[in-house]
Amino acid sequence: MNETPAPRLLFLFDMDDVLVRYDWQTRMAGLTELTGHDLVELRRRWWVSGHEQRAEAGHFPDGDAYLTAFQDAMGCEVPESEWARVRGSAMTELPERIEAVRIASEHGRVALLTNNGPLAGRWIHEWAPSLPPLFGEHLDTSSNFGARKPEPEVFRNALDHHGARPEDTFFADDMPENVAGARSVGIHAVLVEHDTDLRDAVRAFVASRTGASVV
């Protein structure tokens, strides 16, 4: 449980393709060069085998354990700084979406909820430097909550952590199944598509819960 007072409103945001543009092909190209495995073999050794999904669900206790498992799966040394460089090279901040977080932060607590493992959690502040001033200590990965989206458990655990009620919680994600998972526990969830103005979605939620108009 978070020890800070429970927020009046809670705003949960996914990261990839919501607050940042995530170029999967750029990341895979960087990892194939780093490990010497082609894309098919790279994915077979880590993603197809389910390692990444287990990491997102909290299987690895920390970033060091994640990196050790990744190196074992690749059969080669992968420096953490290089792993992080490759991941970061695939990410570009989306200023208008991040502005929505700023608006939300004026009306409640903002927190990240991204399907990622503990090693990613160690580097998010470097990859997206606009996020830490807004999110503070709440740059959370799903691994912190022992489950991954779209499982209802990850949303319930996040609500418990923040001490928030589902009806007072806003969630934004680009995956329909994740939006459905949040809605299944009573959270107000918004599907973020290419042309979605997340600022308007945040303003509408605040107005619906407080009756106040939001600039």
C-alpha atoms as a PDB file:
ATOM      1  CA  MET A   1       0.000   0.000   0.000  1.00  0.00           C
ATOM      2  CA  ASN A   2       1.226   3.465  -0.875  1.00  0.00           C
ATOM      3  CA  GLU A   3       1.826   5.436   2.325  1.00  0.00           C
ATOM      4  CA  THR A   4       0.811   8.816   0.910  1.00  0.00           C
ATOM      5  CA  PRO A   5      -2.842   9.902   1.385  1.00  0.00           C
ATOM      6  CA  ALA A   6      -5.335   8.351  -1.021  1.00  0.00           C
ATOM      7  CA  PRO A   7      -6.017  10.602  -4.012  1.00  0.00           C
ATOM      8  CA  ARG A   8      -9.433  12.070  -4.740  1.00  0.00           C
ATOM      9  CA  LEU A   9      -8.951  11.072  -8.383  1.00  0.00           C
ATOM     10  CA  LEU A  10      -6.413   8.644  -9.826  1.00  0.00           C
ATOM     11  CA  PHE A  11      -5.180   8.781 -13.410  1.00  0.00           C
ATOM     12  CA  LEU A  12      -3.375   5.718 -14.783  1.00  0.00           C
ATOM     13  CA  PHE A  13      -1.560   5.942 -18.099  1.00  0.00           C
ATOM     14  CA  ASP A  14       0.007   3.305 -20.304  1.00  0.00           C
ATOM     15  CA  MET A  15       3.370   4.300 -21.782  1.00  0.00           C
ATOM     16  CA  ASP A  16       4.106   2.788 -25.214  1.00  0.00           C
ATOM     17  CA  ASP A  17       1.984   4.272 -28.006  1.00  0.00           C
ATOM     18  CA  VAL A  18       0.136   6.394 -25.455  1.00  0.00           C
ATOM     19  CA  LEU A  19       2.694   8.802 -23.973  1.00  0.00           C
ATOM     20  CA  VAL A  20       5.568   7.801 -26.243  1.00  0.00           C
ATOM     21  CA  ARG A  21       5.712   6.468 -29.771  1.00  0.00           C
ATOM     22  CA  TYR A  22       7.211   2.974 -29.605  1.00  0.00           C
ATOM     23  CA  ASP A  23       8.951   1.637 -32.717  1.00  0.00           C
ATOM     24  CA  TRP A  24       9.081  -2.130 -32.207  1.00  0.00           C
ATOM     25  CA  GLN A  25      11.067  -2.674 -35.422  1.00  0.00           C
ATOM     26  CA  THR A  26      13.806  -0.299 -34.275  1.00  0.00           C
ATOM     27  CA  ARG A  27      14.124  -2.155 -30.987  1.00  0.00           C
ATOM     28  CA  MET A  28      14.222  -5.585 -32.619  1.00  0.00           C
ATOM     29  CA  ALA A  29      16.852  -4.408 -35.125  1.00  0.00           C
ATOM     30  CA  GLY A  30      18.989  -3.148 -32.261  1.00  0.00           C
ATOM     31  CA  LEU A  31      18.658  -6.404 -30.324  1.00  0.00           C
ATOM     32  CA  THR A  32      19.488  -8.566 -33.341  1.00  0.00           C
ATOM     33  CA  GLU A  33      22.665  -6.554 -33.811  1.00  0.00           C
ATOM     34  CA  LEU A  34      23.468  -6.712 -30.102  1.00  0.00           C
ATOM     35  CA  THR A  35      22.913 -10.462 -29.683  1.00  0.00           C
ATOM     36  CA  GLY A  36      23.818 -11.781 -33.128  1.00  0.00           C
ATOM     37  CA  HIS A  37      20.458 -13.593 -33.439  1.00  0.00           C
ATOM     38  CA  ASP A  38      18.071 -12.928 -36.289  1.00  0.00           C
ATOM     39  CA  LEU A  39      14.564 -11.747 -35.498  1.00  0.00           C
ATOM     40  CA  VAL A  40      12.959 -15.193 -35.531  1.00  0.00           C
ATOM     41  CA  GLU A  41      15.571 -16.673 -33.206  1.00  0.00           C
ATOM     42  CA  LEU A  42      15.591 -13.620 -30.961  1.00  0.00           C
ATOM     43  CA  ARG A  43      11.851 -13.810 -30.469  1.00  0.00           C
ATOM     44  CA  ARG A  44      11.914 -17.578 -30.015  1.00  0.00           C
ATOM     45  CA  ARG A  45      14.461 -17.333 -27.210  1.00  0.00           C
ATOM     46  CA  TRP A  46      12.704 -14.588 -25.236  1.00  0.00           C
ATOM     47  CA  TRP A  47       9.226 -13.600 -26.364  1.00  0.00           C
ATOM     48  CA  VAL A  48       7.756 -16.807 -27.801  1.00  0.00           C
ATOM     49  CA  SER A  49       9.050 -18.727 -24.777  1.00  0.00           C
ATOM     50  CA  GLY A  50       7.054 -16.401 -22.516  1.00  0.00           C
ATOM     51  CA  HIS A  51       9.962 -14.835 -20.623  1.00  0.00           C
ATOM     52  CA  GLU A  52       8.887 -11.256 -21.295  1.00  0.00           C
ATOM     53  CA  GLN A  53       5.290 -11.947 -20.297  1.00  0.00           C
ATOM     54  CA  ARG A  54       6.493 -13.495 -17.040  1.00  0.00           C
ATOM     55  CA  ALA A  55       8.715 -10.478 -16.425  1.00  0.00           C
ATOM     56  CA  GLU A  56       5.761  -8.148 -16.919  1.00  0.00           C
ATOM     57  CA  ALA A  57       3.791 -10.190 -14.388  1.00  0.00           C
ATOM     58  CA  GLY A  58       6.480  -9.841 -11.713  1.00  0.00           C
ATOM     59  CA  HIS A  59       8.310 -13.164 -12.148  1.00  0.00           C
ATOM     60  CA  PHE A  60      11.755 -11.547 -11.795  1.00  0.00           C
ATOM     61  CA  PRO A  61      12.325  -9.823  -8.444  1.00  0.00           C
ATOM     62  CA  ASP A  62      14.494  -7.026  -9.834  1.00  0.00           C
ATOM     63  CA  GLY A  63      16.260  -5.682 -12.895  1.00  0.00           C
ATOM     64  CA  ASP A  64      19.413  -7.662 -12.236  1.00  0.00           C
ATOM     65  CA  ALA A  65      17.489 -10.944 -12.255  1.00  0.00           C
ATOM     66  CA  TYR A  66      15.761  -9.908 -15.478  1.00  0.00           C
ATOM     67  CA  LEU A  67      19.047  -9.100 -17.203  1.00  0.00           C
ATOM     68  CA  THR A  68      20.647 -12.366 -16.055  1.00  0.00           C
ATOM     69  CA  ALA A  69      17.720 -14.328 -17.475  1.00  0.00           C
ATOM     70  CA  PHE A  70      17.864 -12.373 -20.727  1.00  0.00           C
ATOM     71  CA  GLN A  71      21.590 -13.041 -21.120  1.00  0.00           C
ATOM     72  CA  ASP A  72      21.084 -16.746 -20.363  1.00  0.00           C
ATOM     73  CA  ALA A  73      18.359 -16.934 -22.991  1.00  0.00           C
ATOM     74  CA  MET A  74      20.496 -15.129 -25.571  1.00  0.00           C
ATOM     75  CA  GLY A  75      23.611 -17.148 -24.745  1.00  0.00           C
ATOM     76  CA  CYS A  76      25.770 -14.032 -24.701  1.00  0.00           C
ATOM     77  CA  GLU A  77      26.663 -11.046 -22.572  1.00  0.00           C
ATOM     78  CA  VAL A  78      24.285  -8.104 -22.918  1.00  0.00           C
ATOM     79  CA  PRO A  79      25.454  -5.007 -21.021  1.00  0.00           C
ATOM     80  CA  GLU A  80      22.596  -3.275 -19.245  1.00  0.00           C
ATOM     81  CA  SER A  81      23.576   0.068 -20.753  1.00  0.00           C
ATOM     82  CA  GLU A  82      23.303  -1.408 -24.261  1.00  0.00           C
ATOM     83  CA  TRP A  83      19.972  -3.097 -23.536  1.00  0.00           C
ATOM     84  CA  ALA A  84      18.689   0.246 -22.272  1.00  0.00           C
ATOM     85  CA  ARG A  85      20.127   2.183 -25.214  1.00  0.00           C
ATOM     86  CA  VAL A  86      18.354  -0.082 -27.690  1.00  0.00           C
ATOM     87  CA  ARG A  87      15.015   0.174 -25.869  1.00  0.00           C
ATOM     88  CA  GLY A  88      15.312   3.926 -25.536  1.00  0.00           C
ATOM     89  CA  SER A  89      16.156   4.366 -29.215  1.00  0.00           C
ATOM     90  CA  ALA A  90      12.712   2.978 -30.067  1.00  0.00           C
ATOM     91  CA  MET A  91      10.864   5.613 -27.996  1.00  0.00           C
ATOM     92  CA  THR A  92       9.835   9.173 -28.854  1.00  0.00           C
ATOM     93  CA  GLU A  93       7.891  11.355 -26.441  1.00  0.00           C
ATOM     94  CA  LEU A  94       4.476  12.640 -27.587  1.00  0.00           C
ATOM     95  CA  PRO A  95       4.177  16.176 -26.149  1.00  0.00           C
ATOM     96  CA  GLU A  96       0.396  16.583 -26.560  1.00  0.00           C
ATOM     97  CA  ARG A  97      -0.215  13.300 -24.752  1.00  0.00           C
ATOM     98  CA  ILE A  98       2.189  14.266 -21.978  1.00  0.00           C
ATOM     99  CA  GLU A  99       0.302  17.550 -21.687  1.00  0.00           C
ATOM    100  CA  ALA A 100      -2.753  15.447 -20.813  1.00  0.00           C
ATOM    101  CA  VAL A 101      -0.800  14.040 -17.869  1.00  0.00           C
ATOM    102  CA  ARG A 102       0.010  17.556 -16.723  1.00  0.00           C
ATOM    103  CA  ILE A 103      -3.675  18.487 -16.835  1.00  0.00           C
ATOM    104  CA  ALA A 104      -4.572  15.335 -14.897  1.00  0.00           C
ATOM    105  CA  SER A 105      -1.914  16.061 -12.288  1.00  0.00           C
ATOM    106  CA  GLU A 106      -3.756  19.256 -11.360  1.00  0.00           C
ATOM    107  CA  HIS A 107      -6.816  17.246 -10.342  1.00  0.00           C
ATOM    108  CA  GLY A 108      -5.444  14.085  -8.743  1.00  0.00           C
ATOM    109  CA  ARG A 109      -2.597  11.616  -8.667  1.00  0.00           C
ATOM    110  CA  VAL A 110      -1.025  10.500 -11.960  1.00  0.00           C
ATOM    111  CA  ALA A 111       0.667   7.122 -12.228  1.00  0.00           C
ATOM    112  CA  LEU A 112       2.112   4.978 -14.975  1.00  0.00           C
ATOM    113  CA  LEU A 113       0.812   1.467 -15.573  1.00  0.00           C
ATOM    114  CA  THR A 114       2.822  -0.121 -18.382  1.00  0.00           C
ATOM    115  CA  ASN A 115       3.326  -3.787 -19.221  1.00  0.00           C
ATOM    116  CA  ASN A 116       7.056  -3.949 -18.555  1.00  0.00           C
ATOM    117  CA  GLY A 117       9.502  -5.734 -16.324  1.00  0.00           C
ATOM    118  CA  PRO A 118      11.695  -4.394 -13.528  1.00  0.00           C
ATOM    119  CA  LEU A 119      14.655  -3.547 -15.751  1.00  0.00           C
ATOM    120  CA  ALA A 120      12.491  -1.208 -17.811  1.00  0.00           C
ATOM    121  CA  GLY A 121      11.303   0.390 -14.598  1.00  0.00           C
ATOM    122  CA  ARG A 122      14.908   1.254 -13.816  1.00  0.00           C
ATOM    123  CA  TRP A 123      15.320   3.214 -17.055  1.00  0.00           C
ATOM    124  CA  ILE A 124      11.994   4.898 -17.837  1.00  0.00           C
ATOM    125  CA  HIS A 125      13.186   8.184 -16.371  1.00  0.00           C
ATOM    126  CA  GLU A 126      16.059   8.183 -18.886  1.00  0.00           C
ATOM    127  CA  TRP A 127      13.982   7.124 -21.890  1.00  0.00           C
ATOM    128  CA  ALA A 128      11.221   9.673 -21.339  1.00  0.00           C
ATOM    129  CA  PRO A 129      12.676  12.532 -19.280  1.00  0.00           C
ATOM    130  CA  SER A 130       9.448  14.537 -19.359  1.00  0.00           C
ATOM    131  CA  LEU A 131       7.678  11.908 -17.258  1.00  0.00           C
ATOM    132  CA  PRO A 132       9.472  11.972 -13.856  1.00  0.00           C
ATOM    133  CA  PRO A 133       8.578  15.603 -13.031  1.00  0.00           C
ATOM    134  CA  LEU A 134       4.904  14.722 -13.539  1.00  0.00           C
ATOM    135  CA  PHE A 135       4.714  11.183 -12.164  1.00  0.00           C
ATOM    136  CA  GLY A 136       7.240  11.476  -9.358  1.00  0.00           C
ATOM    137  CA  GLU A 137       7.528   8.129  -7.567  1.00  0.00           C
ATOM    138  CA  HIS A 138       4.641   6.620  -9.521  1.00  0.00           C
ATOM    139  CA  LEU A 139       6.479   5.467 -12.677  1.00  0.00           C
ATOM    140  CA  ASP A 140       5.130   1.961 -12.169  1.00  0.00           C
ATOM    141  CA  THR A 141       5.531  -1.090 -14.353  1.00  0.00           C
ATOM    142  CA  SER A 142       3.064  -3.978 -14.225  1.00  0.00           C
ATOM    143  CA  SER A 143       5.772  -6.097 -12.604  1.00  0.00           C
ATOM    144  CA  ASN A 144       5.341  -3.998  -9.461  1.00  0.00           C
ATOM    145  CA  PHE A 145       1.811  -5.344  -9.108  1.00  0.00           C
ATOM    146  CA  GLY A 146       2.391  -9.055  -9.728  1.00  0.00           C
ATOM    147  CA  ALA A 147       0.263  -9.286 -12.867  1.00  0.00           C
ATOM    148  CA  ARG A 148       0.074  -7.849 -16.359  1.00  0.00           C
ATOM    149  CA  LYS A 149      -2.605  -6.153 -18.377  1.00  0.00           C
ATOM    150  CA  PRO A 150      -5.300  -7.100 -19.326  1.00  0.00           C
ATOM    151  CA  GLU A 151      -5.641  -9.272 -16.197  1.00  0.00           C
ATOM    152  CA  PRO A 152      -8.115  -7.666 -13.752  1.00  0.00           C
ATOM    153  CA  GLU A 153      -5.675  -8.482 -10.941  1.00  0.00           C
ATOM    154  CA  VAL A 154      -3.161  -5.873 -12.070  1.00  0.00           C
ATOM    155  CA  PHE A 155      -5.827  -3.164 -11.939  1.00  0.00           C
ATOM    156  CA  ARG A 156      -7.111  -4.274  -8.543  1.00  0.00           C
ATOM    157  CA  ASN A 157      -3.566  -4.315  -7.177  1.00  0.00           C
ATOM    158  CA  ALA A 158      -2.904  -0.849  -8.568  1.00  0.00           C
ATOM    159  CA  LEU A 159      -6.098   0.460  -6.973  1.00  0.00           C
ATOM    160  CA  ASP A 160      -5.113  -1.091  -3.639  1.00  0.00           C
ATOM    161  CA  HIS A 161      -1.629   0.382  -3.909  1.00  0.00           C
ATOM    162  CA  HIS A 162      -2.961   3.880  -4.458  1.00  0.00           C
ATOM    163  CA  GLY A 163      -5.941   3.541  -2.134  1.00  0.00           C
ATOM    164  CA  ALA A 164      -8.275   4.635  -4.924  1.00  0.00           C
ATOM    165  CA  ARG A 165     -11.816   3.673  -5.835  1.00  0.00           C
ATOM    166  CA  PRO A 166     -12.399   2.321  -9.352  1.00  0.00           C
ATOM    167  CA  GLU A 167     -15.138   4.862 -10.063  1.00  0.00           C
ATOM    168  CA  ASP A 168     -12.664   7.660  -9.283  1.00  0.00           C
ATOM    169  CA  THR A 169      -9.980   6.209 -11.531  1.00  0.00           C
ATOM    170  CA  PHE A 170      -9.160   7.069 -15.148  1.00  0.00           C
ATOM    171  CA  PHE A 171      -7.092   4.760 -17.350  1.00  0.00           C
ATOM    172  CA  ALA A 172      -5.726   5.293 -20.874  1.00  0.00           C
ATOM    173  CA  ASP A 173      -4.301   2.521 -23.053  1.00  0.00           C
ATOM    174  CA  ASP A 174      -3.887   1.793 -26.764  1.00  0.00           C
ATOM    175  CA  MET A 175      -4.890  -1.888 -26.511  1.00  0.00           C
ATOM    176  CA  PRO A 176      -8.638  -2.707 -26.548  1.00  0.00           C
ATOM    177  CA  GLU A 177      -8.123  -5.774 -24.363  1.00  0.00           C
ATOM    178  CA  ASN A 178      -6.388  -3.682 -21.699  1.00  0.00           C
ATOM    179  CA  VAL A 179      -9.186  -1.140 -21.745  1.00  0.00           C
ATOM    180  CA  ALA A 180     -11.667  -4.011 -21.329  1.00  0.00           C
ATOM    181  CA  GLY A 181      -9.653  -5.371 -18.388  1.00  0.00           C
ATOM    182  CA  ALA A 182      -9.788  -2.016 -16.616  1.00  0.00           C
ATOM    183  CA  ARG A 183     -13.487  -1.615 -17.280  1.00  0.00           C
ATOM    184  CA  SER A 184     -14.128  -5.084 -15.847  1.00  0.00           C
ATOM    185  CA  VAL A 185     -13.177  -3.791 -12.381  1.00  0.00           C
ATOM    186  CA  GLY A 186     -15.129  -0.530 -12.730  1.00  0.00           C
ATOM    187  CA  ILE A 187     -12.376   1.839 -13.903  1.00  0.00           C
ATOM    188  CA  HIS A 188     -13.215   4.558 -16.425  1.00  0.00           C
ATOM    189  CA  ALA A 189     -10.986   3.453 -19.317  1.00  0.00           C
ATOM    190  CA  VAL A 190     -10.282   5.224 -22.607  1.00  0.00           C
ATOM    191  CA  LEU A 191      -8.961   3.587 -25.763  1.00  0.00           C
ATOM    192  CA  VAL A 192      -6.170   5.737 -27.201  1.00  0.00           C
ATOM    193  CA  GLU A 193      -6.059   5.661 -30.984  1.00  0.00           C
ATOM    194  CA  HIS A 194      -3.913   7.586 -33.439  1.00  0.00           C
ATOM    195  CA  ASP A 195      -6.126  10.677 -33.459  1.00  0.00           C
ATOM    196  CA  THR A 196      -7.252  10.582 -29.818  1.00  0.00           C
ATOM    197  CA  ASP A 197      -6.897  13.893 -27.986  1.00  0.00           C
ATOM    198  CA  LEU A 198      -6.065  12.568 -24.539  1.00  0.00           C
ATOM    199  CA  ARG A 199      -6.364  16.049 -23.082  1.00  0.00           C
ATOM    200  CA  ASP A 200     -10.061  16.139 -23.906  1.00  0.00           C
ATOM    201  CA  ALA A 201     -10.560  12.668 -22.414  1.00  0.00           C
ATOM    202  CA  VAL A 202      -8.937  13.773 -19.155  1.00  0.00           C
ATOM    203  CA  ARG A 203     -10.986  16.987 -19.034  1.00  0.00           C
ATOM    204  CA  ALA A 204     -14.222  15.079 -19.618  1.00  0.00           C
ATOM    205  CA  PHE A 205     -13.444  12.628 -16.815  1.00  0.00           C
ATOM    206  CA  VAL A 206     -12.619  15.397 -14.355  1.00  0.00           C
ATOM    207  CA  ALA A 207     -15.825  17.205 -15.255  1.00  0.00           C
ATOM    208  CA  SER A 208     -17.856  14.015 -14.805  1.00  0.00           C
ATOM    209  CA  ARG A 209     -16.446  13.420 -11.324  1.00  0.00           C
ATOM    210  CA  THR A 210     -16.255  16.981  -9.996  1.00  0.00           C
ATOM    211  CA  GLY A 211     -18.753  18.955 -12.048  1.00  0.00           C
ATOM    212  CA  ALA A 212     -16.074  21.533 -12.790  1.00  0.00           C
ATOM    213  CA  SER A 213     -15.002  22.671 -16.231  1.00  0.00           C
ATOM    214  CA  VAL A 214     -11.313  22.133 -16.955  1.00  0.00           C
ATOM    215  CA  VAL A 215      -9.137  24.420 -19.051  1.00  0.00           C
END
